[in-house]
Amino acid sequence: MKRIFIMDDDGLKEYVPLESLQKQKDSTIEKSHQDMSGEEELLTIADLVKKFKVTRPTIYAWMNKGLLNKITIGGRVLFLPDDINELIKRMRTASS
């Protein structure tokens, strides 16, 4: 960010050109959007079908057994990645 320092009778003053502030604001917004999108992207049933290479009825059976914690938003069934990772850990220890 560009800064301009000016000495006058009142002392040293710092000025930041408006264009520098706008660039900083744009990059901050972009970074926060990237942080949000990468933070916790919810998974769909289709994502789990691909990830586990199982059928949709298997995913529904896991939900009914309580193996998967679902989040329902607007009629859509979604899953937190952390919950899926926890399920994978449980499956690994059960098969050992």
N, C-alpha and C. Protein backbone atom coordinates (compact mmCIF):
# COMPACT_ATOMS: atom_id res chain seq x y z
N MET A 1 0.85 -1.16 0.00
CA MET A 1 0.00 0.00 0.00
C MET A 1 0.90 1.23 0.00
N LYS A 2 0.56 2.19 -0.85
CA LYS A 2 1.30 3.44 -0.92
C LYS A 2 0.93 4.33 0.25
N ARG A 3 1.93 4.98 0.81
CA ARG A 3 1.68 5.94 1.88
C ARG A 3 2.48 7.19 1.60
N ILE A 4 1.90 8.31 1.93
CA ILE A 4 2.57 9.59 1.75
C ILE A 4 2.63 10.26 3.11
N PHE A 5 3.81 10.68 3.50
CA PHE A 5 4.00 11.38 4.77
C PHE A 5 4.27 12.85 4.49
N ILE A 6 3.56 13.71 5.18
CA ILE A 6 3.70 15.15 4.99
C ILE A 6 3.97 15.79 6.35
N MET A 7 4.99 16.63 6.37
CA MET A 7 5.31 17.36 7.60
C MET A 7 4.76 18.77 7.46
N ASP A 8 3.93 19.15 8.41
CA ASP A 8 3.43 20.53 8.41
C ASP A 8 3.56 21.08 9.82
N ASP A 9 2.93 22.20 10.08
CA ASP A 9 3.05 22.84 11.40
C ASP A 9 2.50 21.97 12.53
N ASP A 10 1.53 21.10 12.22
CA ASP A 10 0.93 20.24 13.24
C ASP A 10 1.73 18.96 13.47
N GLY A 11 2.75 18.74 12.68
CA GLY A 11 3.56 17.54 12.83
C GLY A 11 3.50 16.67 11.58
N LEU A 12 3.87 15.44 11.74
CA LEU A 12 3.92 14.49 10.63
C LEU A 12 2.54 13.87 10.43
N LYS A 13 2.07 13.88 9.20
CA LYS A 13 0.77 13.28 8.88
C LYS A 13 0.95 12.24 7.79
N GLU A 14 0.17 11.19 7.90
CA GLU A 14 0.23 10.11 6.91
C GLU A 14 -1.03 10.16 6.06
N TYR A 15 -0.85 10.09 4.76
CA TYR A 15 -1.96 10.03 3.83
C TYR A 15 -1.84 8.77 2.99
N VAL A 16 -2.96 8.11 2.78
CA VAL A 16 -2.99 6.92 1.94
C VAL A 16 -3.86 7.25 0.73
N PRO A 17 -3.28 7.17 -0.49
CA PRO A 17 -4.08 7.48 -1.67
C PRO A 17 -5.30 6.56 -1.77
N LEU A 18 -6.39 7.10 -2.26
CA LEU A 18 -7.65 6.38 -2.34
C LEU A 18 -7.52 5.10 -3.17
N GLU A 19 -6.75 5.15 -4.25
CA GLU A 19 -6.60 3.96 -5.10
C GLU A 19 -5.91 2.82 -4.34
N SER A 20 -4.99 3.15 -3.45
CA SER A 20 -4.33 2.11 -2.65
C SER A 20 -5.31 1.47 -1.69
N LEU A 21 -6.19 2.27 -1.10
CA LEU A 21 -7.20 1.73 -0.20
C LEU A 21 -8.15 0.80 -0.93
N GLN A 22 -8.55 1.19 -2.15
CA GLN A 22 -9.47 0.37 -2.94
C GLN A 22 -8.84 -0.97 -3.29
N LYS A 23 -7.57 -0.95 -3.68
CA LYS A 23 -6.87 -2.20 -4.01
C LYS A 23 -6.79 -3.10 -2.79
N GLN A 24 -6.49 -2.50 -1.63
CA GLN A 24 -6.39 -3.29 -0.40
C GLN A 24 -7.76 -3.87 -0.05
N LYS A 25 -8.81 -3.09 -0.20
CA LYS A 25 -10.16 -3.56 0.10
C LYS A 25 -10.55 -4.72 -0.81
N ASP A 26 -10.25 -4.60 -2.11
CA ASP A 26 -10.57 -5.66 -3.06
C ASP A 26 -9.83 -6.94 -2.72
N SER A 27 -8.55 -6.84 -2.38
CA SER A 27 -7.77 -8.04 -2.07
C SER A 27 -8.24 -8.66 -0.76
N THR A 28 -8.67 -7.85 0.20
CA THR A 28 -9.18 -8.37 1.47
C THR A 28 -10.48 -9.13 1.25
N ILE A 29 -11.37 -8.59 0.42
CA ILE A 29 -12.63 -9.25 0.12
C ILE A 29 -12.37 -10.57 -0.59
N GLU A 30 -11.46 -10.55 -1.55
CA GLU A 30 -11.12 -11.76 -2.30
C GLU A 30 -10.56 -12.83 -1.36
N LYS A 31 -9.67 -12.43 -0.46
CA LYS A 31 -9.05 -13.38 0.46
C LYS A 31 -10.09 -13.96 1.41
N SER A 32 -10.99 -13.11 1.93
CA SER A 32 -11.99 -13.63 2.86
C SER A 32 -12.95 -14.58 2.16
N HIS A 33 -13.25 -14.33 0.89
CA HIS A 33 -14.11 -15.24 0.13
C HIS A 33 -13.42 -16.58 -0.08
N GLN A 34 -12.12 -16.54 -0.39
CA GLN A 34 -11.37 -17.78 -0.56
C GLN A 34 -11.31 -18.55 0.74
N ASP A 35 -11.12 -17.85 1.86
CA ASP A 35 -11.06 -18.51 3.16
C ASP A 35 -12.38 -19.19 3.48
N MET A 36 -13.49 -18.50 3.19
CA MET A 36 -14.81 -19.07 3.48
C MET A 36 -15.09 -20.28 2.62
N SER A 37 -14.75 -20.18 1.33
CA SER A 37 -15.09 -21.29 0.45
C SER A 37 -14.25 -22.52 0.73
N GLY A 38 -13.02 -22.35 1.13
CA GLY A 38 -12.17 -23.48 1.42
C GLY A 38 -12.31 -23.99 2.82
N GLU A 39 -12.95 -23.23 3.69
CA GLU A 39 -13.05 -23.58 5.09
C GLU A 39 -13.82 -24.86 5.31
N GLU A 40 -15.10 -24.89 4.97
CA GLU A 40 -15.92 -26.07 5.18
C GLU A 40 -16.96 -26.15 4.07
N GLU A 41 -16.63 -26.77 2.99
CA GLU A 41 -17.59 -26.93 1.91
C GLU A 41 -18.42 -28.16 2.21
N LEU A 42 -19.73 -27.97 2.27
CA LEU A 42 -20.62 -29.08 2.58
C LEU A 42 -20.68 -30.07 1.43
N LEU A 43 -20.83 -31.33 1.76
CA LEU A 43 -20.86 -32.40 0.76
C LEU A 43 -22.30 -32.87 0.55
N THR A 44 -22.59 -33.31 -0.67
CA THR A 44 -23.91 -33.83 -1.01
C THR A 44 -23.88 -35.35 -0.99
N ILE A 45 -25.05 -35.94 -1.15
CA ILE A 45 -25.12 -37.40 -1.24
C ILE A 45 -24.33 -37.88 -2.46
N ALA A 46 -24.44 -37.15 -3.56
CA ALA A 46 -23.70 -37.51 -4.78
C ALA A 46 -22.19 -37.50 -4.52
N ASP A 47 -21.73 -36.53 -3.73
CA ASP A 47 -20.30 -36.48 -3.39
C ASP A 47 -19.89 -37.72 -2.61
N LEU A 48 -20.73 -38.14 -1.67
CA LEU A 48 -20.41 -39.32 -0.87
C LEU A 48 -20.45 -40.59 -1.70
N VAL A 49 -21.38 -40.67 -2.64
CA VAL A 49 -21.46 -41.83 -3.53
C VAL A 49 -20.14 -41.97 -4.29
N LYS A 50 -19.63 -40.85 -4.80
CA LYS A 50 -18.35 -40.88 -5.53
C LYS A 50 -17.19 -41.21 -4.60
N LYS A 51 -17.18 -40.57 -3.43
CA LYS A 51 -16.07 -40.74 -2.49
C LYS A 51 -15.95 -42.18 -2.00
N PHE A 52 -17.06 -42.77 -1.62
CA PHE A 52 -17.04 -44.12 -1.05
C PHE A 52 -17.28 -45.22 -2.08
N LYS A 53 -17.64 -44.83 -3.31
CA LYS A 53 -17.93 -45.79 -4.37
C LYS A 53 -19.02 -46.78 -3.93
N VAL A 54 -20.10 -46.21 -3.41
CA VAL A 54 -21.27 -46.98 -2.98
C VAL A 54 -22.50 -46.40 -3.67
N THR A 55 -23.65 -47.04 -3.46
CA THR A 55 -24.89 -46.56 -4.07
C THR A 55 -25.59 -45.58 -3.13
N ARG A 56 -26.55 -44.86 -3.69
CA ARG A 56 -27.35 -43.93 -2.88
C ARG A 56 -28.08 -44.63 -1.74
N PRO A 57 -28.68 -45.81 -2.01
CA PRO A 57 -29.34 -46.50 -0.90
C PRO A 57 -28.39 -46.82 0.26
N THR A 58 -27.12 -47.06 -0.04
CA THR A 58 -26.15 -47.31 1.02
C THR A 58 -25.97 -46.07 1.88
N ILE A 59 -25.90 -44.91 1.24
CA ILE A 59 -25.77 -43.65 1.97
C ILE A 59 -26.99 -43.44 2.86
N TYR A 60 -28.18 -43.69 2.31
CA TYR A 60 -29.41 -43.56 3.10
C TYR A 60 -29.42 -44.54 4.28
N ALA A 61 -28.93 -45.75 4.06
CA ALA A 61 -28.86 -46.74 5.13
C ALA A 61 -27.92 -46.27 6.24
N TRP A 62 -26.78 -45.69 5.86
CA TRP A 62 -25.84 -45.16 6.85
C TRP A 62 -26.47 -44.02 7.65
N MET A 63 -27.30 -43.20 6.96
CA MET A 63 -27.99 -42.12 7.67
C MET A 63 -28.98 -42.70 8.67
N ASN A 64 -29.74 -43.72 8.24
CA ASN A 64 -30.74 -44.34 9.12
C ASN A 64 -30.10 -45.02 10.33
N LYS A 65 -28.89 -45.59 10.13
CA LYS A 65 -28.18 -46.25 11.23
C LYS A 65 -27.51 -45.24 12.16
N GLY A 66 -27.48 -43.98 11.74
CA GLY A 66 -26.84 -42.95 12.56
C GLY A 66 -25.34 -42.82 12.32
N LEU A 67 -24.84 -43.46 11.28
CA LEU A 67 -23.41 -43.35 10.97
C LEU A 67 -23.06 -41.99 10.39
N LEU A 68 -24.01 -41.38 9.69
CA LEU A 68 -23.80 -40.08 9.07
C LEU A 68 -24.71 -39.05 9.71
N ASN A 69 -24.14 -37.91 10.07
CA ASN A 69 -24.92 -36.80 10.58
C ASN A 69 -25.26 -35.88 9.41
N LYS A 70 -26.54 -35.75 9.12
CA LYS A 70 -26.93 -34.94 7.97
C LYS A 70 -27.37 -33.55 8.41
N ILE A 71 -27.26 -32.62 7.48
CA ILE A 71 -27.76 -31.26 7.66
C ILE A 71 -28.75 -31.04 6.54
N THR A 72 -29.97 -30.69 6.88
CA THR A 72 -30.99 -30.44 5.86
C THR A 72 -31.17 -28.94 5.71
N ILE A 73 -30.94 -28.44 4.51
CA ILE A 73 -31.10 -27.02 4.21
C ILE A 73 -31.94 -26.91 2.96
N GLY A 74 -33.11 -26.34 3.09
CA GLY A 74 -33.98 -26.13 1.94
C GLY A 74 -34.31 -27.42 1.20
N GLY A 75 -34.49 -28.49 1.92
CA GLY A 75 -34.81 -29.76 1.28
C GLY A 75 -33.61 -30.53 0.78
N ARG A 76 -32.43 -29.94 0.85
CA ARG A 76 -31.20 -30.63 0.43
C ARG A 76 -30.56 -31.30 1.63
N VAL A 77 -30.00 -32.46 1.42
CA VAL A 77 -29.30 -33.19 2.48
C VAL A 77 -27.81 -32.99 2.25
N LEU A 78 -27.15 -32.40 3.27
CA LEU A 78 -25.73 -32.07 3.16
C LEU A 78 -24.98 -32.64 4.36
N PHE A 79 -23.66 -32.73 4.21
CA PHE A 79 -22.82 -33.32 5.24
C PHE A 79 -21.58 -32.47 5.45
N LEU A 80 -21.13 -32.38 6.69
CA LEU A 80 -19.89 -31.68 7.01
C LEU A 80 -18.69 -32.59 6.70
N PRO A 81 -17.65 -32.04 6.07
CA PRO A 81 -16.46 -32.85 5.79
C PRO A 81 -15.84 -33.47 7.04
N ASP A 82 -15.88 -32.75 8.16
CA ASP A 82 -15.32 -33.30 9.40
C ASP A 82 -16.08 -34.55 9.84
N ASP A 83 -17.39 -34.56 9.67
CA ASP A 83 -18.19 -35.73 10.02
C ASP A 83 -17.83 -36.92 9.12
N ILE A 84 -17.58 -36.65 7.86
CA ILE A 84 -17.21 -37.71 6.91
C ILE A 84 -15.83 -38.27 7.29
N ASN A 85 -14.90 -37.38 7.63
CA ASN A 85 -13.57 -37.84 8.04
C ASN A 85 -13.65 -38.69 9.32
N GLU A 86 -14.53 -38.30 10.22
CA GLU A 86 -14.74 -39.08 11.44
C GLU A 86 -15.30 -40.46 11.12
N LEU A 87 -16.23 -40.53 10.16
CA LEU A 87 -16.79 -41.81 9.74
C LEU A 87 -15.70 -42.71 9.16
N ILE A 88 -14.81 -42.12 8.37
CA ILE A 88 -13.71 -42.89 7.77
C ILE A 88 -12.83 -43.47 8.89
N LYS A 89 -12.52 -42.65 9.89
CA LYS A 89 -11.69 -43.13 11.01
C LYS A 89 -12.37 -44.28 11.73
N ARG A 90 -13.69 -44.15 11.97
CA ARG A 90 -14.43 -45.22 12.66
C ARG A 90 -14.43 -46.49 11.83
N MET A 91 -14.57 -46.35 10.50
CA MET A 91 -14.58 -47.53 9.61
C MET A 91 -13.22 -48.21 9.64
N ARG A 92 -12.16 -47.43 9.70
CA ARG A 92 -10.80 -48.01 9.73
C ARG A 92 -10.58 -48.79 11.02
N THR A 93 -10.99 -48.22 12.14
CA THR A 93 -10.76 -48.92 13.40
C THR A 93 -11.66 -50.14 13.55
N ALA A 94 -12.86 -50.10 12.95
CA ALA A 94 -13.77 -51.25 13.02
C ALA A 94 -13.26 -52.41 12.20
N SER A 95 -12.57 -52.10 11.08
CA SER A 95 -12.09 -53.17 10.22
C SER A 95 -10.76 -53.74 10.68
N SER A 96 -10.09 -53.07 11.61
CA SER A 96 -8.77 -53.55 12.09
C SER A 96 -8.89 -54.65 13.10
